[in-house]
Amino acid sequence: MNGIDPYAYLNKVAMSLDQITTRDQIETVLDEVEYLFEVIPPEMQEPFESIIEILRSRLENCNG
């Protein structure tokens, strides 16, 4: 993960969810969170699942 703290990144995303509103923003953040989800140990993935679910739902309902 080359110095990236996935949990710090997830916390940053969670704190800024209200500002992630455009399709491009949602897709970018979703791609990043899904990547981190895949590289962390399975027992640590639960917090990521919630954010992924929120972002996917937001993407489905996004108009722009």
C-alpha atoms as a PDB file:
ATOM      1  CA  MET A   1       0.000   0.000   0.000  1.00  0.00           C
ATOM      2  CA  ASN A   2       3.096   2.178  -0.266  1.00  0.00           C
ATOM      3  CA  GLY A   3       2.619   4.394   2.777  1.00  0.00           C
ATOM      4  CA  ILE A   4      -1.115   4.869   2.328  1.00  0.00           C
ATOM      5  CA  ASP A   5      -3.109   4.387   5.513  1.00  0.00           C
ATOM      6  CA  PRO A   6      -6.400   2.921   4.266  1.00  0.00           C
ATOM      7  CA  TYR A   7      -8.184   3.623   7.542  1.00  0.00           C
ATOM      8  CA  ALA A   8      -7.134   7.275   7.568  1.00  0.00           C
ATOM      9  CA  TYR A   9      -8.308   7.581   3.962  1.00  0.00           C
ATOM     10  CA  LEU A  10     -11.626   5.933   4.826  1.00  0.00           C
ATOM     11  CA  ASN A  11     -12.057   8.342   7.727  1.00  0.00           C
ATOM     12  CA  LYS A  12     -11.352  11.276   5.404  1.00  0.00           C
ATOM     13  CA  VAL A  13     -13.963   9.978   2.941  1.00  0.00           C
ATOM     14  CA  ALA A  14     -16.510   9.438   5.704  1.00  0.00           C
ATOM     15  CA  MET A  15     -15.998  12.977   6.982  1.00  0.00           C
ATOM     16  CA  SER A  16     -16.451  14.451   3.504  1.00  0.00           C
ATOM     17  CA  LEU A  17     -19.348  12.321   2.203  1.00  0.00           C
ATOM     18  CA  ASP A  18     -21.639  15.365   2.076  1.00  0.00           C
ATOM     19  CA  GLN A  19     -19.292  17.053  -0.406  1.00  0.00           C
ATOM     20  CA  ILE A  20     -18.994  14.029  -2.711  1.00  0.00           C
ATOM     21  CA  THR A  21     -21.948  14.761  -4.963  1.00  0.00           C
ATOM     22  CA  THR A  22     -21.019  14.736  -8.633  1.00  0.00           C
ATOM     23  CA  ARG A  23     -20.825  11.554 -10.708  1.00  0.00           C
ATOM     24  CA  ASP A  24     -17.087  12.080 -11.313  1.00  0.00           C
ATOM     25  CA  GLN A  25     -16.376  12.574  -7.608  1.00  0.00           C
ATOM     26  CA  ILE A  26     -18.442   9.572  -6.586  1.00  0.00           C
ATOM     27  CA  GLU A  27     -16.864   7.300  -9.205  1.00  0.00           C
ATOM     28  CA  THR A  28     -13.327   8.373  -8.269  1.00  0.00           C
ATOM     29  CA  VAL A  29     -13.806   7.901  -4.540  1.00  0.00           C
ATOM     30  CA  LEU A  30     -15.706   4.635  -5.041  1.00  0.00           C
ATOM     31  CA  ASP A  31     -12.859   3.258  -7.184  1.00  0.00           C
ATOM     32  CA  GLU A  32     -10.303   4.225  -4.534  1.00  0.00           C
ATOM     33  CA  VAL A  33     -12.302   2.780  -1.629  1.00  0.00           C
ATOM     34  CA  GLU A  34     -13.027  -0.441  -3.534  1.00  0.00           C
ATOM     35  CA  TYR A  35      -9.320  -0.827  -4.300  1.00  0.00           C
ATOM     36  CA  LEU A  36      -8.388  -0.384  -0.655  1.00  0.00           C
ATOM     37  CA  PHE A  37     -11.149  -2.829   0.324  1.00  0.00           C
ATOM     38  CA  GLU A  38      -9.483  -5.468  -1.848  1.00  0.00           C
ATOM     39  CA  VAL A  39      -5.981  -5.022  -0.417  1.00  0.00           C
ATOM     40  CA  ILE A  40      -6.754  -4.906   3.304  1.00  0.00           C
ATOM     41  CA  PRO A  41      -7.239  -8.038   5.418  1.00  0.00           C
ATOM     42  CA  PRO A  42     -10.789  -9.452   5.288  1.00  0.00           C
ATOM     43  CA  GLU A  43     -11.315  -9.006   9.013  1.00  0.00           C
ATOM     44  CA  MET A  44     -10.775  -5.255   8.593  1.00  0.00           C
ATOM     45  CA  GLN A  45     -13.130  -4.718   5.628  1.00  0.00           C
ATOM     46  CA  GLU A  46     -16.408  -4.065   7.472  1.00  0.00           C
ATOM     47  CA  PRO A  47     -16.080  -0.254   7.777  1.00  0.00           C
ATOM     48  CA  PHE A  48     -15.317  -0.061   4.061  1.00  0.00           C
ATOM     49  CA  GLU A  49     -18.486  -1.969   3.163  1.00  0.00           C
ATOM     50  CA  SER A  50     -20.690   0.781   4.618  1.00  0.00           C
ATOM     51  CA  ILE A  51     -18.968   3.540   2.668  1.00  0.00           C
ATOM     52  CA  ILE A  52     -19.026   1.482  -0.538  1.00  0.00           C
ATOM     53  CA  GLU A  53     -22.754   0.882  -0.108  1.00  0.00           C
ATOM     54  CA  ILE A  54     -23.414   4.602   0.429  1.00  0.00           C
ATOM     55  CA  LEU A  55     -21.339   5.579  -2.601  1.00  0.00           C
ATOM     56  CA  ARG A  56     -22.940   2.975  -4.863  1.00  0.00           C
ATOM     57  CA  SER A  57     -26.396   4.111  -3.826  1.00  0.00           C
ATOM     58  CA  ARG A  58     -25.455   7.718  -4.417  1.00  0.00           C
ATOM     59  CA  LEU A  59     -24.063   6.833  -7.841  1.00  0.00           C
ATOM     60  CA  GLU A  60     -27.304   5.078  -8.824  1.00  0.00           C
ATOM     61  CA  ASN A  61     -29.282   8.174  -7.859  1.00  0.00           C
ATOM     62  CA  CYS A  62     -26.853  10.703  -9.327  1.00  0.00           C
ATOM     63  CA  ASN A  63     -28.110  13.029 -12.029  1.00  0.00           C
ATOM     64  CA  GLY A  64     -24.862  14.792 -12.777  1.00  0.00           C
END
